[in-house]
Amino acid sequence: MKILIVEDESKTAEYLHRGLNEQGYTVDVARTGTDGHALALEHDYDVIVLDVMLPEMNGFEVLRAIRARKQTPVVMLTARDRVDDRVHGLREGADDYLVKPFSFLELVARLQAVTRRGRAHESTQLRIGDLEIDLLSRKAYRAGGRLELTAKEFALLALLARREGQILSKTVIAEQVWDMNFDSNTNVVEVAIKRLRAKVDGPHERKLLHTIRGMGYVLEAREDGASP
């Protein structure tokens, strides 16, 4: 899941960025309403965490501008526990509201809830061959056996599974999973793929995670199960 945080308080922004990254999410941060608006329109996020009190454009203005172009789920944050502020935000198109200070676990639960509602038409259960992935519980199984995955490994597997049959380049994987521009001098993607392959394919005769030389990686169940 890719999340945009629009928050001008440095400590809050850093706290959310670090915490959500540790949960396996890809996170962008904007410190002004103008920057948040630009990022929201430039990229496709699964959900936006939007503070009300922002420099340049306030949260209501940013929300209004986003809603004119996109229906990305938005959870608003405010330090003001006033009913009229919450009503205003919901009328402008916010999907949920959270008053500061808040529990990080509650925020994560609300983010999952609004994205689940926004993706009601999408399945949260993915199946590729005998590989089963539960996007809500963040668990994966191969031939009925639980795969012990780290948060980043699950994020990588979920990305490949959602794009089943599509070849994903190292650049796309680095941007979506690690929120970074791909550097040809780093082997972070290769190392992650190697570890994920060991867990997903391991002793299984039929291989699902394939390397396409010079292009990238693809997750699919092939008839012969062989990699090129």
Protein backbone atom coordinates (compact mmCIF):
# COMPACT_ATOMS: atom_id res chain seq x y z
CA MET A 1 0.00 0.00 0.00
CA LYS A 2 1.32 3.44 -0.95
CA ILE A 3 0.49 6.27 1.45
CA LEU A 4 0.89 10.05 1.26
CA ILE A 5 1.27 11.94 4.55
CA VAL A 6 0.63 15.69 4.40
CA GLU A 7 1.77 17.01 7.78
CA ASP A 8 3.80 20.11 8.64
CA GLU A 9 4.77 19.05 12.20
CA SER A 10 8.21 17.46 11.79
CA LYS A 11 7.98 15.08 14.74
CA THR A 12 4.53 13.82 13.76
CA ALA A 13 5.51 13.39 10.11
CA GLU A 14 8.71 11.50 10.99
CA TYR A 15 6.87 9.32 13.51
CA LEU A 16 4.21 8.35 10.98
CA HIS A 17 6.74 7.84 8.19
CA ARG A 18 8.90 5.54 10.31
CA GLY A 19 5.98 3.62 11.81
CA LEU A 20 4.20 3.00 8.51
CA ASN A 21 7.46 1.99 6.83
CA GLU A 22 8.01 -0.58 9.57
CA GLN A 23 4.53 -1.93 8.81
CA GLY A 24 5.68 -2.53 5.22
CA TYR A 25 3.96 0.43 3.57
CA THR A 26 5.51 2.78 1.02
CA VAL A 27 5.26 6.36 2.32
CA ASP A 28 5.72 9.84 0.83
CA VAL A 29 5.69 12.95 3.03
CA ALA A 30 4.72 16.53 2.14
CA ARG A 31 5.17 19.39 4.62
CA THR A 32 2.92 21.99 2.96
CA GLY A 33 -0.55 21.93 1.48
CA THR A 34 0.81 22.96 -1.91
CA ASP A 35 3.34 20.11 -2.00
CA GLY A 36 0.72 17.64 -0.77
CA HIS A 37 -1.70 18.69 -3.48
CA ALA A 38 0.98 18.33 -6.17
CA LEU A 39 2.03 14.85 -5.01
CA ALA A 40 -1.57 13.67 -4.67
CA LEU A 41 -2.28 14.55 -8.29
CA GLU A 42 1.06 13.34 -9.64
CA HIS A 43 1.00 9.86 -8.08
CA ASP A 44 -1.60 7.17 -7.44
CA TYR A 45 -1.81 6.62 -3.68
CA ASP A 46 -3.93 4.03 -1.91
CA VAL A 47 -4.74 6.51 0.86
CA ILE A 48 -3.80 10.05 1.96
CA VAL A 49 -3.30 11.17 5.57
CA LEU A 50 -4.07 14.90 5.53
CA ASP A 51 -3.60 17.39 8.37
CA VAL A 52 -6.04 20.31 8.58
CA MET A 53 -3.65 23.08 9.69
CA LEU A 54 -1.09 23.38 6.88
CA PRO A 55 0.96 26.24 5.42
CA GLU A 56 0.17 27.62 1.94
CA MET A 57 -3.05 25.59 1.53
CA ASN A 58 -5.03 24.28 4.49
CA GLY A 59 -6.26 20.71 4.59
CA PHE A 60 -9.79 21.58 3.50
CA GLU A 61 -8.47 23.39 0.44
CA VAL A 62 -6.18 20.48 -0.44
CA LEU A 63 -9.03 18.01 -0.02
CA ARG A 64 -11.33 20.08 -2.22
CA ALA A 65 -8.66 20.29 -4.95
CA ILE A 66 -7.99 16.53 -4.79
CA ARG A 67 -11.67 15.66 -4.96
CA ALA A 68 -12.00 17.71 -8.15
CA ARG A 69 -9.64 15.22 -9.84
CA LYS A 70 -9.46 12.00 -7.80
CA GLN A 71 -11.36 9.85 -5.33
CA THR A 72 -8.32 8.62 -3.36
CA PRO A 73 -9.38 7.76 0.23
CA VAL A 74 -8.45 10.55 2.68
CA VAL A 75 -8.10 10.38 6.46
CA MET A 76 -7.88 13.85 7.99
CA LEU A 77 -5.92 14.76 11.13
CA THR A 78 -6.69 17.70 13.37
CA ALA A 79 -5.68 19.01 16.77
CA ARG A 80 -9.09 20.64 17.09
CA ASP A 81 -11.81 18.39 18.46
CA ARG A 82 -14.63 20.51 17.12
CA VAL A 83 -17.71 18.89 15.61
CA ASP A 84 -18.09 21.58 12.94
CA ASP A 85 -14.50 20.98 11.73
CA ARG A 86 -15.16 17.27 11.40
CA VAL A 87 -18.48 17.85 9.65
CA HIS A 88 -16.78 20.32 7.29
CA GLY A 89 -14.10 17.79 6.37
CA LEU A 90 -16.58 14.97 5.81
CA ARG A 91 -18.74 17.22 3.64
CA GLU A 92 -15.72 18.16 1.56
CA GLY A 93 -15.14 14.46 0.86
CA ALA A 94 -12.95 13.09 3.67
CA ASP A 95 -13.41 9.37 4.31
CA ASP A 96 -12.49 9.49 7.99
CA TYR A 97 -11.29 11.87 10.71
CA LEU A 98 -8.81 11.41 13.56
CA VAL A 99 -8.21 13.89 16.37
CA LYS A 100 -4.68 14.44 17.74
CA PRO A 101 -3.23 12.94 19.84
CA PHE A 102 -4.15 9.53 18.45
CA SER A 103 -3.03 5.93 18.72
CA PHE A 104 -0.77 4.78 15.88
CA LEU A 105 -2.53 1.40 15.82
CA GLU A 106 -5.88 3.16 15.50
CA LEU A 107 -4.56 5.15 12.55
CA VAL A 108 -3.35 1.96 10.84
CA ALA A 109 -6.76 0.33 11.43
CA ARG A 110 -8.54 3.35 9.96
CA LEU A 111 -6.24 3.40 6.93
CA GLN A 112 -6.94 -0.27 6.32
CA ALA A 113 -10.67 0.33 6.73
CA VAL A 114 -10.94 3.19 4.25
CA THR A 115 -8.81 1.42 1.65
CA ARG A 116 -10.87 -1.74 2.14
CA ARG A 117 -14.04 0.26 1.48
CA GLY A 118 -12.42 1.96 -1.49
CA ARG A 119 -11.44 -1.41 -2.93
CA ALA A 120 -14.65 -3.24 -2.20
CA HIS A 121 -14.66 -4.44 -5.80
CA GLU A 122 -11.19 -5.94 -5.45
CA SER A 123 -10.48 -9.30 -3.91
CA THR A 124 -8.41 -9.31 -0.74
CA GLN A 125 -7.55 -12.96 -1.34
CA LEU A 126 -5.06 -13.65 -4.12
CA ARG A 127 -4.27 -17.11 -5.45
CA ILE A 128 -1.52 -18.03 -7.89
CA GLY A 129 -1.13 -21.76 -8.34
CA ASP A 130 -0.92 -23.15 -4.80
CA LEU A 131 0.21 -19.78 -3.41
CA GLU A 132 -2.43 -18.00 -1.34
CA ILE A 133 -2.11 -14.39 -0.16
CA ASP A 134 -4.44 -12.64 2.31
CA LEU A 135 -3.94 -8.91 1.85
CA LEU A 136 -5.93 -8.00 4.97
CA SER A 137 -4.22 -10.29 7.47
CA ARG A 138 -0.91 -9.89 5.57
CA LYS A 139 -0.33 -13.63 5.55
CA ALA A 140 0.77 -15.94 2.75
CA TYR A 141 0.68 -19.71 2.30
CA ARG A 142 2.28 -22.10 -0.18
CA ALA A 143 0.70 -25.54 -0.54
CA GLY A 144 -1.10 -24.88 2.73
CA GLY A 145 2.07 -24.03 4.67
CA ARG A 146 2.49 -20.57 6.23
CA LEU A 147 5.29 -18.47 4.75
CA GLU A 148 7.25 -16.53 7.38
CA LEU A 149 7.74 -13.19 5.64
CA THR A 150 9.10 -9.87 6.84
CA ALA A 151 6.98 -6.74 6.25
CA LYS A 152 9.03 -5.79 3.18
CA GLU A 153 8.96 -9.34 1.81
CA PHE A 154 5.18 -9.39 2.11
CA ALA A 155 4.96 -5.97 0.41
CA LEU A 156 7.14 -7.28 -2.44
CA LEU A 157 5.09 -10.46 -2.79
CA ALA A 158 1.80 -8.52 -2.74
CA LEU A 159 3.08 -6.16 -5.45
CA LEU A 160 4.12 -9.06 -7.70
CA ALA A 161 0.86 -10.91 -7.01
CA ARG A 162 -1.33 -7.91 -7.82
CA ARG A 163 0.55 -7.65 -11.12
CA GLU A 164 0.41 -11.39 -11.81
CA GLY A 165 1.89 -12.19 -15.21
CA GLN A 166 3.40 -8.70 -15.62
CA ILE A 167 7.15 -8.19 -15.72
CA LEU A 168 8.16 -5.62 -13.10
CA SER A 169 11.48 -3.83 -13.48
CA LYS A 170 13.88 -3.17 -10.62
CA THR A 171 12.99 0.51 -10.89
CA VAL A 172 9.27 -0.12 -10.36
CA ILE A 173 9.92 -2.52 -7.48
CA ALA A 174 12.32 -0.11 -5.74
CA GLU A 175 9.83 2.76 -6.04
CA GLN A 176 6.78 0.78 -4.90
CA VAL A 177 8.33 -1.28 -2.10
CA TRP A 178 11.21 0.84 -0.79
CA ASP A 179 10.00 4.31 -1.80
CA MET A 180 13.34 5.01 -3.49
CA ASN A 181 14.78 5.73 -6.90
CA PHE A 182 16.59 2.68 -8.23
CA ASP A 183 20.38 2.92 -8.08
CA SER A 184 22.17 0.52 -10.42
CA ASN A 185 25.00 0.31 -7.88
CA THR A 186 22.77 -1.25 -5.22
CA ASN A 187 21.60 -4.86 -5.11
CA VAL A 188 18.72 -4.34 -2.66
CA VAL A 189 16.13 -5.63 -5.14
CA GLU A 190 18.16 -8.69 -6.16
CA VAL A 191 18.81 -9.62 -2.53
CA ALA A 192 15.12 -9.22 -1.63
CA ILE A 193 14.01 -11.29 -4.62
CA LYS A 194 16.52 -14.03 -3.73
CA ARG A 195 15.21 -14.21 -0.15
CA LEU A 196 11.59 -14.13 -1.25
CA ARG A 197 12.20 -16.85 -3.86
CA ALA A 198 13.79 -19.08 -1.23
CA LYS A 199 10.65 -18.79 0.91
CA VAL A 200 8.02 -18.91 -1.83
CA ASP A 201 9.53 -21.50 -4.17
CA GLY A 202 11.99 -23.22 -1.81
CA PRO A 203 11.66 -26.99 -2.16
CA HIS A 204 8.61 -26.82 -4.46
CA GLU A 205 9.10 -28.32 -7.90
CA ARG A 206 6.81 -25.80 -9.53
CA LYS A 207 8.41 -22.36 -9.46
CA LEU A 208 6.29 -19.21 -9.35
CA LEU A 209 8.80 -16.36 -9.10
CA HIS A 210 10.70 -15.94 -12.36
CA THR A 211 13.58 -13.72 -13.48
CA ILE A 212 13.32 -12.26 -16.97
CA ARG A 213 16.88 -11.38 -17.89
CA GLY A 214 17.42 -7.74 -18.71
CA MET A 215 13.82 -6.87 -17.86
CA GLY A 216 12.84 -7.74 -14.29
CA TYR A 217 10.71 -10.24 -12.39
CA VAL A 218 7.30 -11.84 -12.75
CA LEU A 219 5.09 -13.95 -10.50
CA GLU A 220 3.02 -16.50 -12.40
CA ALA A 221 2.16 -20.20 -12.48
CA ARG A 222 3.59 -21.62 -15.68
CA GLU A 223 2.69 -24.96 -17.14
CA ASP A 224 6.23 -26.30 -16.86
CA GLY A 225 7.03 -24.22 -13.77
CA ALA A 226 10.49 -23.45 -15.15
CA SER A 227 12.29 -20.13 -15.17
CA PRO A 228 13.90 -18.87 -18.38
